[in-house]
Amino acid sequence: MKTIVCPHCGEKTLPKEKKIFDDAFHVKEVKKVCGFCGGEIAPANSGAEGVQGKAAAAAERLSALLGGEKAEKISFAPDADDGRNCLHCRHYIKHPFMDRCGITLQEIDVMGSCGKFEPR
Protein backbone atom coordinates (compact mmCIF):
# COMPACT_ATOMS: atom_id res chain seq x y z
CA MET A 1 0.00 0.00 0.00
CA LYS A 2 1.06 3.54 -0.62
CA THR A 3 1.73 5.90 2.25
CA ILE A 4 0.42 9.43 2.03
CA VAL A 5 0.67 12.64 4.05
CA CYS A 6 -2.60 13.39 5.80
CA PRO A 7 -3.92 16.89 5.02
CA HIS A 8 -5.48 17.11 8.51
CA CYS A 9 -2.75 15.99 10.92
CA GLY A 10 0.31 16.22 8.61
CA GLU A 11 1.58 12.71 9.47
CA LYS A 12 2.63 10.00 7.05
CA THR A 13 -0.04 7.33 7.20
CA LEU A 14 -1.62 4.43 5.42
CA PRO A 15 -5.18 5.31 4.39
CA LYS A 16 -7.87 2.94 5.58
CA GLU A 17 -11.38 2.43 4.27
CA LYS A 18 -14.36 3.57 6.32
CA LYS A 19 -17.70 2.08 5.29
CA ILE A 20 -20.82 4.26 5.57
CA PHE A 21 -24.02 2.22 6.08
CA ASP A 22 -27.65 3.14 5.44
CA ASP A 23 -30.60 2.27 7.71
CA ALA A 24 -30.87 -1.29 6.33
CA PHE A 25 -27.17 -2.03 7.06
CA HIS A 26 -26.17 -1.94 3.40
CA VAL A 27 -22.92 -0.23 2.43
CA LYS A 28 -23.86 3.18 1.06
CA GLU A 29 -20.33 4.40 0.32
CA VAL A 30 -16.70 3.74 1.16
CA LYS A 31 -14.42 6.64 2.14
CA LYS A 32 -10.64 6.77 2.57
CA VAL A 33 -9.64 8.10 6.00
CA CYS A 34 -6.37 8.76 7.82
CA GLY A 35 -5.17 5.89 10.01
CA PHE A 36 -4.20 8.27 12.84
CA CYS A 37 -6.74 11.08 13.05
CA GLY A 38 -9.63 9.62 11.02
CA GLY A 39 -9.85 12.67 8.75
CA GLU A 40 -11.30 12.11 5.30
CA ILE A 41 -8.79 11.93 2.47
CA ALA A 42 -9.85 13.01 -1.01
CA PRO A 43 -9.16 10.42 -3.71
CA ALA A 44 -6.09 11.18 -5.82
CA ASN A 45 -7.73 10.38 -9.16
CA SER A 46 -11.13 11.98 -8.70
CA GLY A 47 -12.19 12.37 -12.32
CA ALA A 48 -15.35 14.08 -13.50
CA GLU A 49 -16.94 10.75 -14.31
CA GLY A 50 -17.95 9.00 -11.08
CA VAL A 51 -19.85 5.81 -10.50
CA GLN A 52 -23.17 7.28 -11.64
CA GLY A 53 -21.56 8.66 -14.79
CA LYS A 54 -20.21 5.22 -15.62
CA ALA A 55 -23.62 3.65 -14.99
CA ALA A 56 -25.30 6.17 -17.31
CA ALA A 57 -22.71 5.50 -20.03
CA ALA A 58 -23.21 1.74 -19.66
CA ALA A 59 -27.00 2.17 -19.96
CA GLU A 60 -26.53 4.20 -23.15
CA ARG A 61 -24.24 1.55 -24.64
CA LEU A 62 -26.75 -1.18 -23.79
CA SER A 63 -29.59 0.85 -25.31
CA ALA A 64 -27.58 1.36 -28.50
CA LEU A 65 -26.78 -2.36 -28.63
CA LEU A 66 -30.41 -3.41 -28.25
CA GLY A 67 -31.65 -0.70 -30.59
CA GLY A 68 -34.47 0.49 -28.35
CA GLU A 69 -35.31 3.38 -26.17
CA LYS A 70 -35.04 3.38 -22.42
CA ALA A 71 -37.95 1.74 -20.67
CA GLU A 72 -39.87 3.85 -18.21
CA LYS A 73 -39.26 3.16 -14.56
CA ILE A 74 -41.71 0.89 -12.81
CA SER A 75 -43.15 2.17 -9.56
CA PHE A 76 -43.79 -0.28 -6.74
CA ALA A 77 -45.42 2.34 -4.52
CA PRO A 78 -48.68 1.18 -2.94
CA ASP A 79 -51.86 2.55 -4.45
CA ALA A 80 -55.28 3.18 -2.85
CA ASP A 81 -56.50 -0.41 -3.31
CA ASP A 82 -53.54 -2.08 -1.59
CA GLY A 83 -54.33 -3.43 1.85
CA ARG A 84 -58.10 -3.51 1.27
CA ASN A 85 -58.45 -7.16 2.21
CA CYS A 86 -60.31 -8.86 5.03
CA LEU A 87 -57.18 -9.20 7.13
CA HIS A 88 -57.03 -5.40 7.54
CA CYS A 89 -60.77 -4.89 7.95
CA ARG A 90 -62.40 -3.65 11.16
CA HIS A 91 -64.93 -6.53 11.06
CA TYR A 92 -62.32 -9.32 10.82
CA ILE A 93 -62.63 -11.88 13.63
CA LYS A 94 -59.56 -14.04 14.20
CA HIS A 95 -60.23 -17.56 15.49
CA PRO A 96 -57.78 -20.49 15.79
CA PHE A 97 -59.93 -22.76 13.61
CA MET A 98 -61.87 -20.41 11.35
CA ASP A 99 -61.62 -16.74 10.35
CA ARG A 100 -64.98 -14.96 10.24
CA CYS A 101 -66.51 -11.68 9.11
CA GLY A 102 -68.10 -9.69 11.94
CA ILE A 103 -70.97 -8.57 9.72
CA THR A 104 -72.00 -11.78 7.94
CA LEU A 105 -70.53 -14.23 10.50
CA GLN A 106 -69.41 -16.45 7.61
CA GLU A 107 -66.02 -18.03 7.10
CA ILE A 108 -63.76 -15.78 5.01
CA ASP A 109 -60.50 -15.85 3.17
CA VAL A 110 -58.20 -13.33 4.89
CA MET A 111 -56.79 -12.18 1.54
CA GLY A 112 -60.27 -11.77 0.05
CA SER A 113 -62.14 -8.50 -0.14
CA CYS A 114 -65.71 -7.29 -0.09
CA GLY A 115 -67.67 -4.08 -0.53
CA LYS A 116 -68.11 -3.62 3.24
CA PHE A 117 -64.40 -3.03 3.95
CA GLU A 118 -63.62 -0.56 6.73
CA PRO A 119 -60.01 0.03 7.78
CA ARG A 120 -59.05 -0.68 11.37
C-alpha atoms as a PDB file:
ATOM      1  CA  MET A   1       0.000   0.000   0.000  1.00  0.00           C
ATOM      2  CA  LYS A   2       1.055   3.539  -0.619  1.00  0.00           C
ATOM      3  CA  THR A   3       1.731   5.901   2.253  1.00  0.00           C
ATOM      4  CA  ILE A   4       0.425   9.434   2.031  1.00  0.00           C
ATOM      5  CA  VAL A   5       0.675  12.636   4.046  1.00  0.00           C
ATOM      6  CA  CYS A   6      -2.601  13.388   5.795  1.00  0.00           C
ATOM      7  CA  PRO A   7      -3.916  16.893   5.021  1.00  0.00           C
ATOM      8  CA  HIS A   8      -5.482  17.106   8.506  1.00  0.00           C
ATOM      9  CA  CYS A   9      -2.748  15.992  10.915  1.00  0.00           C
ATOM     10  CA  GLY A  10       0.306  16.219   8.610  1.00  0.00           C
ATOM     11  CA  GLU A  11       1.575  12.709   9.470  1.00  0.00           C
ATOM     12  CA  LYS A  12       2.634   9.997   7.052  1.00  0.00           C
ATOM     13  CA  THR A  13      -0.035   7.332   7.199  1.00  0.00           C
ATOM     14  CA  LEU A  14      -1.621   4.430   5.424  1.00  0.00           C
ATOM     15  CA  PRO A  15      -5.179   5.306   4.391  1.00  0.00           C
ATOM     16  CA  LYS A  16      -7.872   2.940   5.579  1.00  0.00           C
ATOM     17  CA  GLU A  17     -11.375   2.435   4.274  1.00  0.00           C
ATOM     18  CA  LYS A  18     -14.365   3.566   6.324  1.00  0.00           C
ATOM     19  CA  LYS A  19     -17.704   2.084   5.291  1.00  0.00           C
ATOM     20  CA  ILE A  20     -20.825   4.255   5.572  1.00  0.00           C
ATOM     21  CA  PHE A  21     -24.015   2.223   6.079  1.00  0.00           C
ATOM     22  CA  ASP A  22     -27.648   3.140   5.436  1.00  0.00           C
ATOM     23  CA  ASP A  23     -30.598   2.265   7.705  1.00  0.00           C
ATOM     24  CA  ALA A  24     -30.867  -1.288   6.327  1.00  0.00           C
ATOM     25  CA  PHE A  25     -27.166  -2.035   7.058  1.00  0.00           C
ATOM     26  CA  HIS A  26     -26.170  -1.937   3.397  1.00  0.00           C
ATOM     27  CA  VAL A  27     -22.919  -0.226   2.434  1.00  0.00           C
ATOM     28  CA  LYS A  28     -23.859   3.179   1.060  1.00  0.00           C
ATOM     29  CA  GLU A  29     -20.333   4.399   0.317  1.00  0.00           C
ATOM     30  CA  VAL A  30     -16.696   3.743   1.162  1.00  0.00           C
ATOM     31  CA  LYS A  31     -14.422   6.636   2.138  1.00  0.00           C
ATOM     32  CA  LYS A  32     -10.639   6.766   2.568  1.00  0.00           C
ATOM     33  CA  VAL A  33      -9.640   8.104   5.996  1.00  0.00           C
ATOM     34  CA  CYS A  34      -6.374   8.755   7.821  1.00  0.00           C
ATOM     35  CA  GLY A  35      -5.165   5.888  10.008  1.00  0.00           C
ATOM     36  CA  PHE A  36      -4.198   8.265  12.837  1.00  0.00           C
ATOM     37  CA  CYS A  37      -6.736  11.079  13.047  1.00  0.00           C
ATOM     38  CA  GLY A  38      -9.625   9.620  11.018  1.00  0.00           C
ATOM     39  CA  GLY A  39      -9.849  12.668   8.752  1.00  0.00           C
ATOM     40  CA  GLU A  40     -11.303  12.110   5.297  1.00  0.00           C
ATOM     41  CA  ILE A  41      -8.786  11.933   2.466  1.00  0.00           C
ATOM     42  CA  ALA A  42      -9.854  13.006  -1.013  1.00  0.00           C
ATOM     43  CA  PRO A  43      -9.158  10.417  -3.708  1.00  0.00           C
ATOM     44  CA  ALA A  44      -6.086  11.177  -5.824  1.00  0.00           C
ATOM     45  CA  ASN A  45      -7.725  10.381  -9.161  1.00  0.00           C
ATOM     46  CA  SER A  46     -11.128  11.978  -8.697  1.00  0.00           C
ATOM     47  CA  GLY A  47     -12.194  12.369 -12.315  1.00  0.00           C
ATOM     48  CA  ALA A  48     -15.349  14.082 -13.505  1.00  0.00           C
ATOM     49  CA  GLU A  49     -16.937  10.751 -14.310  1.00  0.00           C
ATOM     50  CA  GLY A  50     -17.952   9.000 -11.082  1.00  0.00           C
ATOM     51  CA  VAL A  51     -19.855   5.807 -10.504  1.00  0.00           C
ATOM     52  CA  GLN A  52     -23.169   7.279 -11.640  1.00  0.00           C
ATOM     53  CA  GLY A  53     -21.564   8.661 -14.794  1.00  0.00           C
ATOM     54  CA  LYS A  54     -20.214   5.217 -15.620  1.00  0.00           C
ATOM     55  CA  ALA A  55     -23.620   3.648 -14.993  1.00  0.00           C
ATOM     56  CA  ALA A  56     -25.299   6.166 -17.313  1.00  0.00           C
ATOM     57  CA  ALA A  57     -22.708   5.503 -20.027  1.00  0.00           C
ATOM     58  CA  ALA A  58     -23.215   1.739 -19.660  1.00  0.00           C
ATOM     59  CA  ALA A  59     -26.997   2.175 -19.961  1.00  0.00           C
ATOM     60  CA  GLU A  60     -26.530   4.204 -23.148  1.00  0.00           C
ATOM     61  CA  ARG A  61     -24.237   1.552 -24.642  1.00  0.00           C
ATOM     62  CA  LEU A  62     -26.753  -1.179 -23.794  1.00  0.00           C
ATOM     63  CA  SER A  63     -29.591   0.845 -25.308  1.00  0.00           C
ATOM     64  CA  ALA A  64     -27.578   1.363 -28.498  1.00  0.00           C
ATOM     65  CA  LEU A  65     -26.775  -2.356 -28.634  1.00  0.00           C
ATOM     66  CA  LEU A  66     -30.407  -3.410 -28.245  1.00  0.00           C
ATOM     67  CA  GLY A  67     -31.655  -0.701 -30.589  1.00  0.00           C
ATOM     68  CA  GLY A  68     -34.466   0.488 -28.351  1.00  0.00           C
ATOM     69  CA  GLU A  69     -35.307   3.382 -26.171  1.00  0.00           C
ATOM     70  CA  LYS A  70     -35.041   3.378 -22.420  1.00  0.00           C
ATOM     71  CA  ALA A  71     -37.951   1.740 -20.674  1.00  0.00           C
ATOM     72  CA  GLU A  72     -39.871   3.849 -18.206  1.00  0.00           C
ATOM     73  CA  LYS A  73     -39.255   3.156 -14.558  1.00  0.00           C
ATOM     74  CA  ILE A  74     -41.712   0.894 -12.812  1.00  0.00           C
ATOM     75  CA  SER A  75     -43.152   2.166  -9.561  1.00  0.00           C
ATOM     76  CA  PHE A  76     -43.793  -0.275  -6.737  1.00  0.00           C
ATOM     77  CA  ALA A  77     -45.417   2.339  -4.517  1.00  0.00           C
ATOM     78  CA  PRO A  78     -48.684   1.181  -2.942  1.00  0.00           C
ATOM     79  CA  ASP A  79     -51.856   2.553  -4.445  1.00  0.00           C
ATOM     80  CA  ALA A  80     -55.275   3.182  -2.847  1.00  0.00           C
ATOM     81  CA  ASP A  81     -56.502  -0.411  -3.307  1.00  0.00           C
ATOM     82  CA  ASP A  82     -53.535  -2.077  -1.592  1.00  0.00           C
ATOM     83  CA  GLY A  83     -54.330  -3.425   1.847  1.00  0.00           C
ATOM     84  CA  ARG A  84     -58.097  -3.508   1.270  1.00  0.00           C
ATOM     85  CA  ASN A  85     -58.454  -7.159   2.205  1.00  0.00           C
ATOM     86  CA  CYS A  86     -60.314  -8.859   5.029  1.00  0.00           C
ATOM     87  CA  LEU A  87     -57.179  -9.202   7.129  1.00  0.00           C
ATOM     88  CA  HIS A  88     -57.026  -5.397   7.536  1.00  0.00           C
ATOM     89  CA  CYS A  89     -60.770  -4.887   7.954  1.00  0.00           C
ATOM     90  CA  ARG A  90     -62.403  -3.654  11.159  1.00  0.00           C
ATOM     91  CA  HIS A  91     -64.926  -6.529  11.064  1.00  0.00           C
ATOM     92  CA  TYR A  92     -62.322  -9.318  10.818  1.00  0.00           C
ATOM     93  CA  ILE A  93     -62.629 -11.881  13.634  1.00  0.00           C
ATOM     94  CA  LYS A  94     -59.560 -14.044  14.203  1.00  0.00           C
ATOM     95  CA  HIS A  95     -60.225 -17.563  15.491  1.00  0.00           C
ATOM     96  CA  PRO A  96     -57.783 -20.485  15.787  1.00  0.00           C
ATOM     97  CA  PHE A  97     -59.925 -22.760  13.614  1.00  0.00           C
ATOM     98  CA  MET A  98     -61.869 -20.413  11.345  1.00  0.00           C
ATOM     99  CA  ASP A  99     -61.624 -16.742  10.355  1.00  0.00           C
ATOM    100  CA  ARG A 100     -64.977 -14.958  10.237  1.00  0.00           C
ATOM    101  CA  CYS A 101     -66.512 -11.683   9.107  1.00  0.00           C
ATOM    102  CA  GLY A 102     -68.097  -9.689  11.941  1.00  0.00           C
ATOM    103  CA  ILE A 103     -70.967  -8.569   9.716  1.00  0.00           C
ATOM    104  CA  THR A 104     -72.004 -11.776   7.945  1.00  0.00           C
ATOM    105  CA  LEU A 105     -70.525 -14.226  10.503  1.00  0.00           C
ATOM    106  CA  GLN A 106     -69.410 -16.451   7.614  1.00  0.00           C
ATOM    107  CA  GLU A 107     -66.021 -18.027   7.099  1.00  0.00           C
ATOM    108  CA  ILE A 108     -63.764 -15.777   5.011  1.00  0.00           C
ATOM    109  CA  ASP A 109     -60.496 -15.852   3.170  1.00  0.00           C
ATOM    110  CA  VAL A 110     -58.201 -13.332   4.889  1.00  0.00           C
ATOM    111  CA  MET A 111     -56.792 -12.178   1.538  1.00  0.00           C
ATOM    112  CA  GLY A 112     -60.265 -11.768   0.049  1.00  0.00           C
ATOM    113  CA  SER A 113     -62.137  -8.497  -0.139  1.00  0.00           C
ATOM    114  CA  CYS A 114     -65.712  -7.287  -0.093  1.00  0.00           C
ATOM    115  CA  GLY A 115     -67.669  -4.084  -0.528  1.00  0.00           C
ATOM    116  CA  LYS A 116     -68.110  -3.618   3.239  1.00  0.00           C
ATOM    117  CA  PHE A 117     -64.396  -3.033   3.952  1.00  0.00           C
ATOM    118  CA  GLU A 118     -63.621  -0.561   6.728  1.00  0.00           C
ATOM    119  CA  PRO A 119     -60.006   0.027   7.778  1.00  0.00           C
ATOM    120  CA  ARG A 120     -59.049  -0.680  11.372  1.00  0.00           C
END
